[in-house]
């Protein structure tokens, strides 16, 4: 079986804020349509954002509700990525347990409340 395209779609009540956040973080561009925005990075379609007027953000951490899905980004310059996430409207929701550890992660949410991690190897 050969897939023509694979993408991750985020639901949000604010298409502009959500798509601008992900395009800014991934250094991509937004192709905006009425209820759907595509985020392009290096000429490839990477993410999409779908208008969901009644979107309720997942709660993290909360054992009573599920994250449903989250993304992990591994990188070398954690502090630069951290600053960029905050500048674009993301929020830090959990600091690293041990910032000096050989491996670790921080948990953030995007403007619509979807959780994701910035991690280091």
N, C-alpha and C. Protein backbone atom coordinates (compact mmCIF):
# COMPACT_ATOMS: atom_id res chain seq x y z
N UNK A 1 0.85 -1.17 0.00
CA UNK A 1 0.00 0.00 0.00
C UNK A 1 0.89 1.23 0.00
N UNK A 2 0.59 2.18 -0.86
CA UNK A 2 1.38 3.40 -0.95
C UNK A 2 0.48 4.60 -0.65
N UNK A 3 0.84 5.35 0.35
CA UNK A 3 0.10 6.55 0.71
C UNK A 3 0.56 7.72 -0.14
N UNK A 4 -0.34 8.52 -0.59
CA UNK A 4 0.02 9.71 -1.36
C UNK A 4 0.45 10.84 -0.44
N UNK A 5 -0.16 10.91 0.72
CA UNK A 5 0.13 12.01 1.66
C UNK A 5 -0.19 11.54 3.07
N UNK A 6 0.60 11.99 4.01
CA UNK A 6 0.37 11.75 5.43
C UNK A 6 0.46 13.10 6.12
N UNK A 7 -0.48 13.37 6.99
CA UNK A 7 -0.42 14.64 7.70
C UNK A 7 -1.07 14.51 9.06
N UNK A 8 -0.72 15.41 9.93
CA UNK A 8 -1.32 15.52 11.26
C UNK A 8 -2.21 16.75 11.22
N UNK A 9 -3.42 16.62 11.73
CA UNK A 9 -4.39 17.71 11.71
C UNK A 9 -4.73 18.10 13.15
N UNK A 10 -4.58 19.38 13.44
CA UNK A 10 -4.98 19.92 14.74
C UNK A 10 -6.33 20.61 14.60
N UNK A 11 -7.22 20.39 15.55
CA UNK A 11 -8.48 21.13 15.59
C UNK A 11 -8.30 22.35 16.48
N UNK A 12 -8.99 23.44 16.13
CA UNK A 12 -8.88 24.68 16.88
C UNK A 12 -10.07 25.58 16.61
N UNK A 13 -10.36 26.44 17.56
CA UNK A 13 -11.39 27.46 17.35
C UNK A 13 -10.78 28.72 16.74
N UNK A 14 -9.44 28.84 16.74
CA UNK A 14 -8.75 30.02 16.20
C UNK A 14 -7.73 29.57 15.15
N UNK A 15 -8.19 29.48 13.92
CA UNK A 15 -7.33 29.01 12.82
C UNK A 15 -6.06 29.84 12.66
N UNK A 16 -6.19 31.15 12.73
CA UNK A 16 -5.04 32.02 12.50
C UNK A 16 -3.96 31.83 13.55
N UNK A 17 -4.34 31.82 14.83
CA UNK A 17 -3.35 31.67 15.90
C UNK A 17 -2.67 30.31 15.84
N UNK A 18 -3.45 29.25 15.63
CA UNK A 18 -2.90 27.89 15.60
C UNK A 18 -1.97 27.69 14.42
N UNK A 19 -2.39 28.09 13.22
CA UNK A 19 -1.55 27.89 12.05
C UNK A 19 -0.31 28.78 12.09
N UNK A 20 -0.43 30.01 12.59
CA UNK A 20 0.74 30.89 12.71
C UNK A 20 1.75 30.31 13.70
N UNK A 21 1.27 29.72 14.78
CA UNK A 21 2.16 29.10 15.76
C UNK A 21 2.99 27.99 15.12
N UNK A 22 2.32 27.02 14.49
CA UNK A 22 3.05 25.88 13.92
C UNK A 22 3.92 26.29 12.73
N UNK A 23 3.45 27.20 11.91
CA UNK A 23 4.28 27.67 10.79
C UNK A 23 5.51 28.39 11.32
N UNK A 24 5.34 29.19 12.37
CA UNK A 24 6.48 29.89 12.96
C UNK A 24 7.47 28.94 13.60
N UNK A 25 6.98 27.96 14.34
CA UNK A 25 7.87 27.02 15.01
C UNK A 25 8.63 26.15 14.02
N UNK A 26 7.94 25.69 12.97
CA UNK A 26 8.57 24.80 11.98
C UNK A 26 9.22 25.56 10.83
N UNK A 27 9.18 26.91 10.89
CA UNK A 27 9.74 27.77 9.85
C UNK A 27 9.12 27.46 8.50
N UNK A 28 7.79 27.41 8.49
CA UNK A 28 7.05 27.12 7.28
C UNK A 28 6.13 28.26 6.90
N UNK A 29 5.23 27.98 5.98
CA UNK A 29 4.27 28.98 5.53
C UNK A 29 2.86 28.39 5.64
N UNK A 30 1.88 29.28 5.69
CA UNK A 30 0.49 28.88 5.83
C UNK A 30 -0.24 29.09 4.51
N UNK A 31 -0.96 28.08 4.07
CA UNK A 31 -1.88 28.18 2.96
C UNK A 31 -3.28 28.15 3.58
N UNK A 32 -3.95 29.31 3.61
CA UNK A 32 -5.21 29.44 4.32
C UNK A 32 -6.42 29.26 3.40
N UNK A 33 -7.35 28.45 3.86
CA UNK A 33 -8.65 28.30 3.23
C UNK A 33 -9.68 28.63 4.31
N UNK A 34 -10.95 28.62 3.99
CA UNK A 34 -11.97 29.05 4.94
C UNK A 34 -11.93 28.32 6.28
N UNK A 35 -11.96 27.00 6.26
CA UNK A 35 -12.01 26.23 7.51
C UNK A 35 -10.84 25.27 7.65
N UNK A 36 -9.79 25.51 6.88
CA UNK A 36 -8.64 24.58 6.85
C UNK A 36 -7.40 25.36 6.46
N UNK A 37 -6.33 25.19 7.20
CA UNK A 37 -5.05 25.80 6.86
C UNK A 37 -4.01 24.69 6.73
N UNK A 38 -3.19 24.76 5.69
CA UNK A 38 -2.07 23.84 5.51
C UNK A 38 -0.79 24.54 5.92
N UNK A 39 0.09 23.82 6.59
CA UNK A 39 1.40 24.34 6.96
C UNK A 39 2.42 23.62 6.08
N UNK A 40 3.13 24.39 5.26
CA UNK A 40 4.14 23.87 4.34
C UNK A 40 5.53 24.17 4.88
N UNK A 41 6.40 23.17 4.84
CA UNK A 41 7.78 23.32 5.27
C UNK A 41 8.67 22.74 4.17
N UNK A 42 9.56 23.56 3.66
CA UNK A 42 10.47 23.12 2.59
C UNK A 42 9.73 22.48 1.42
N UNK A 43 8.59 23.05 1.04
CA UNK A 43 7.85 22.57 -0.11
C UNK A 43 6.97 21.36 0.13
N UNK A 44 6.95 20.83 1.36
CA UNK A 44 6.13 19.67 1.68
C UNK A 44 5.02 20.05 2.67
N UNK A 45 3.89 19.40 2.54
CA UNK A 45 2.76 19.62 3.45
C UNK A 45 3.04 18.84 4.72
N UNK A 46 3.20 19.51 5.85
CA UNK A 46 3.56 18.85 7.09
C UNK A 46 2.43 18.75 8.09
N UNK A 47 1.66 19.81 8.24
CA UNK A 47 0.57 19.83 9.22
C UNK A 47 -0.63 20.51 8.62
N UNK A 48 -1.78 20.28 9.23
CA UNK A 48 -2.98 21.00 8.84
C UNK A 48 -3.71 21.42 10.10
N UNK A 49 -4.50 22.48 9.97
CA UNK A 49 -5.29 22.99 11.08
C UNK A 49 -6.73 23.12 10.58
N UNK A 50 -7.63 22.50 11.32
CA UNK A 50 -9.04 22.48 10.92
C UNK A 50 -9.87 23.29 11.92
N UNK A 51 -10.76 24.11 11.40
CA UNK A 51 -11.64 24.90 12.25
C UNK A 51 -12.63 23.99 12.98
N UNK A 52 -12.64 24.11 14.29
CA UNK A 52 -13.58 23.37 15.14
C UNK A 52 -14.10 24.38 16.17
N UNK A 53 -15.23 25.01 15.90
CA UNK A 53 -15.70 26.11 16.74
C UNK A 53 -15.93 25.76 18.20
N UNK A 54 -16.14 24.49 18.50
CA UNK A 54 -16.39 24.07 19.88
C UNK A 54 -15.23 23.28 20.47
N UNK A 55 -14.04 23.50 19.91
CA UNK A 55 -12.85 22.78 20.38
C UNK A 55 -12.62 23.04 21.87
N UNK A 56 -12.39 21.96 22.61
CA UNK A 56 -12.04 22.04 24.02
C UNK A 56 -10.63 21.47 24.16
N UNK A 57 -9.68 22.29 24.61
CA UNK A 57 -8.29 21.81 24.71
C UNK A 57 -8.17 20.64 25.69
N UNK A 58 -7.29 19.69 25.39
CA UNK A 58 -7.02 18.64 26.37
C UNK A 58 -6.38 19.24 27.61
N UNK A 59 -6.53 18.57 28.73
CA UNK A 59 -5.93 19.03 29.98
C UNK A 59 -4.71 18.16 30.26
N UNK A 60 -3.58 18.82 30.53
CA UNK A 60 -2.37 18.07 30.84
C UNK A 60 -1.71 18.70 32.05
N UNK A 61 -1.28 17.95 33.01
CA UNK A 61 -1.55 16.53 33.17
C UNK A 61 -2.91 16.33 33.85
N UNK A 62 -3.59 15.32 33.46
CA UNK A 62 -4.89 14.99 34.05
C UNK A 62 -5.16 13.52 33.76
N UNK A 63 -5.07 12.70 34.79
CA UNK A 63 -5.28 11.26 34.60
C UNK A 63 -6.70 10.92 34.16
N UNK A 64 -7.64 11.86 34.38
CA UNK A 64 -9.03 11.59 34.03
C UNK A 64 -9.32 11.84 32.55
N UNK A 65 -8.44 12.56 31.85
CA UNK A 65 -8.68 12.80 30.43
C UNK A 65 -7.42 12.46 29.64
N UNK A 66 -7.60 12.13 28.40
CA UNK A 66 -6.50 11.72 27.54
C UNK A 66 -5.95 12.89 26.75
N UNK A 67 -4.65 12.87 26.45
CA UNK A 67 -4.05 13.85 25.54
C UNK A 67 -4.49 13.57 24.12
N UNK A 68 -4.86 12.35 23.83
CA UNK A 68 -5.27 11.85 22.52
C UNK A 68 -4.09 11.71 21.58
N UNK A 69 -3.27 12.72 21.46
CA UNK A 69 -2.07 12.65 20.63
C UNK A 69 -1.15 13.79 21.06
N UNK A 70 0.15 13.60 20.93
CA UNK A 70 1.08 14.70 21.13
C UNK A 70 2.30 14.48 20.26
N UNK A 71 3.06 15.54 20.06
CA UNK A 71 4.25 15.50 19.23
C UNK A 71 5.49 15.66 20.09
N UNK A 72 6.56 14.98 19.71
CA UNK A 72 7.87 15.14 20.35
C UNK A 72 8.83 15.68 19.31
N UNK A 73 9.55 16.75 19.66
CA UNK A 73 10.57 17.33 18.78
C UNK A 73 11.91 17.22 19.49
N UNK A 74 12.86 16.53 18.87
CA UNK A 74 14.20 16.38 19.44
C UNK A 74 15.12 17.38 18.77
N UNK A 75 15.87 18.12 19.60
CA UNK A 75 16.72 19.17 19.05
C UNK A 75 17.93 19.39 19.93
N UNK A 76 18.90 20.12 19.38
CA UNK A 76 20.13 20.40 20.12
C UNK A 76 20.05 21.68 20.92
N UNK A 77 19.38 22.70 20.43
CA UNK A 77 19.34 24.00 21.11
C UNK A 77 17.98 24.20 21.78
N UNK A 78 17.83 23.60 22.96
CA UNK A 78 16.57 23.64 23.69
C UNK A 78 16.16 25.06 24.06
N UNK A 79 17.11 25.87 24.47
CA UNK A 79 16.77 27.22 24.92
C UNK A 79 16.26 28.10 23.78
N UNK A 80 16.85 27.96 22.60
CA UNK A 80 16.37 28.73 21.45
C UNK A 80 14.95 28.29 21.07
N UNK A 81 14.70 26.98 21.08
CA UNK A 81 13.36 26.47 20.76
C UNK A 81 12.36 26.91 21.82
N UNK A 82 12.76 26.87 23.08
CA UNK A 82 11.90 27.32 24.18
C UNK A 82 11.47 28.78 23.97
N UNK A 83 12.42 29.63 23.67
CA UNK A 83 12.13 31.05 23.46
C UNK A 83 11.18 31.24 22.27
N UNK A 84 11.41 30.47 21.21
CA UNK A 84 10.57 30.59 20.02
C UNK A 84 9.13 30.15 20.32
N UNK A 85 8.97 29.05 21.04
CA UNK A 85 7.63 28.57 21.41
C UNK A 85 6.87 29.64 22.18
N UNK A 86 7.52 30.24 23.16
CA UNK A 86 6.85 31.27 23.97
C UNK A 86 6.54 32.51 23.14
N UNK A 87 7.46 32.91 22.28
CA UNK A 87 7.26 34.08 21.42
C UNK A 87 6.06 33.89 20.48
N UNK A 88 5.84 32.65 20.05
CA UNK A 88 4.76 32.35 19.13
C UNK A 88 3.41 32.10 19.81
N UNK A 89 3.39 32.15 21.15
CA UNK A 89 2.13 31.98 21.86
C UNK A 89 1.95 30.64 22.54
N UNK A 90 2.97 29.79 22.50
CA UNK A 90 2.90 28.52 23.22
C UNK A 90 3.12 28.74 24.71
N UNK A 91 2.82 27.71 25.50
CA UNK A 91 2.96 27.81 26.95
C UNK A 91 3.74 26.61 27.48
N UNK A 92 4.66 26.87 28.40
CA UNK A 92 5.36 25.80 29.09
C UNK A 92 4.44 25.27 30.18
N UNK A 93 4.18 23.96 30.19
CA UNK A 93 3.31 23.39 31.22
C UNK A 93 4.05 22.44 32.15
N UNK A 94 5.27 22.00 31.76
CA UNK A 94 6.09 21.19 32.65
C UNK A 94 7.55 21.37 32.28
N UNK A 95 8.32 21.85 33.24
CA UNK A 95 9.76 21.99 33.04
C UNK A 95 10.42 20.62 33.08
N UNK A 96 11.64 20.56 32.64
CA UNK A 96 12.40 19.31 32.70
C UNK A 96 12.64 18.94 34.15
N UNK A 97 12.54 17.65 34.46
CA UNK A 97 12.81 17.20 35.83
C UNK A 97 14.25 17.50 36.22
N UNK A 98 15.17 17.26 35.31
CA UNK A 98 16.59 17.52 35.55
C UNK A 98 17.19 18.10 34.27
N UNK A 99 17.28 19.45 34.19
CA UNK A 99 17.79 20.06 32.96
C UNK A 99 19.22 19.68 32.60
N UNK A 100 19.96 19.15 33.57
CA UNK A 100 21.35 18.75 33.33
C UNK A 100 21.47 17.28 32.92
N UNK A 101 20.37 16.56 32.88
CA UNK A 101 20.41 15.14 32.52
C UNK A 101 20.82 14.98 31.06
N UNK A 102 21.36 13.81 30.72
CA UNK A 102 21.80 13.53 29.36
C UNK A 102 20.63 13.53 28.38
N UNK A 103 19.46 13.10 28.82
CA UNK A 103 18.25 13.13 28.02
C UNK A 103 17.12 13.73 28.86
N UNK A 104 16.14 14.29 28.20
CA UNK A 104 15.01 14.85 28.94
C UNK A 104 14.05 15.57 28.01
N UNK A 105 13.04 16.18 28.60
CA UNK A 105 12.04 16.88 27.80
C UNK A 105 11.33 17.93 28.65
N UNK A 106 10.73 18.90 27.96
CA UNK A 106 9.82 19.88 28.54
C UNK A 106 8.50 19.74 27.81
N UNK A 107 7.40 19.95 28.51
CA UNK A 107 6.08 19.84 27.91
C UNK A 107 5.50 21.24 27.72
N UNK A 108 4.95 21.48 26.54
CA UNK A 108 4.35 22.76 26.17
C UNK A 108 2.95 22.50 25.62
N UNK A 109 2.19 23.57 25.46
CA UNK A 109 0.95 23.51 24.70
C UNK A 109 0.99 24.60 23.63
N UNK A 110 0.35 24.31 22.51
CA UNK A 110 0.22 25.32 21.45
C UNK A 110 -0.94 26.25 21.81
N UNK A 111 -1.24 27.27 21.02
CA UNK A 111 -2.30 28.21 21.37
C UNK A 111 -3.68 27.57 21.57
N UNK A 112 -3.95 26.42 20.94
CA UNK A 112 -5.24 25.74 21.12
C UNK A 112 -5.21 24.72 22.25
N UNK A 113 -4.07 24.60 22.94
CA UNK A 113 -3.97 23.70 24.09
C UNK A 113 -3.46 22.31 23.79
N UNK A 114 -3.02 22.02 22.55
CA UNK A 114 -2.50 20.69 22.22
C UNK A 114 -1.10 20.54 22.83
N UNK A 115 -0.85 19.47 23.56
CA UNK A 115 0.47 19.28 24.19
C UNK A 115 1.50 18.78 23.19
N UNK A 116 2.75 19.20 23.40
CA UNK A 116 3.90 18.68 22.65
C UNK A 116 5.13 18.84 23.51
N UNK A 117 6.17 18.10 23.17
CA UNK A 117 7.41 18.11 23.96
C UNK A 117 8.59 18.59 23.12
N UNK A 118 9.45 19.35 23.77
CA UNK A 118 10.77 19.66 23.23
C UNK A 118 11.73 18.80 24.04
N UNK A 119 12.48 17.96 23.34
CA UNK A 119 13.34 17.00 24.02
C UNK A 119 14.76 17.09 23.50
N UNK A 120 15.66 16.58 24.28
CA UNK A 120 17.04 16.50 23.83
C UNK A 120 17.52 15.07 23.98
N UNK A 121 18.41 14.68 23.07
CA UNK A 121 18.87 13.27 23.04
C UNK A 121 19.64 12.88 24.28
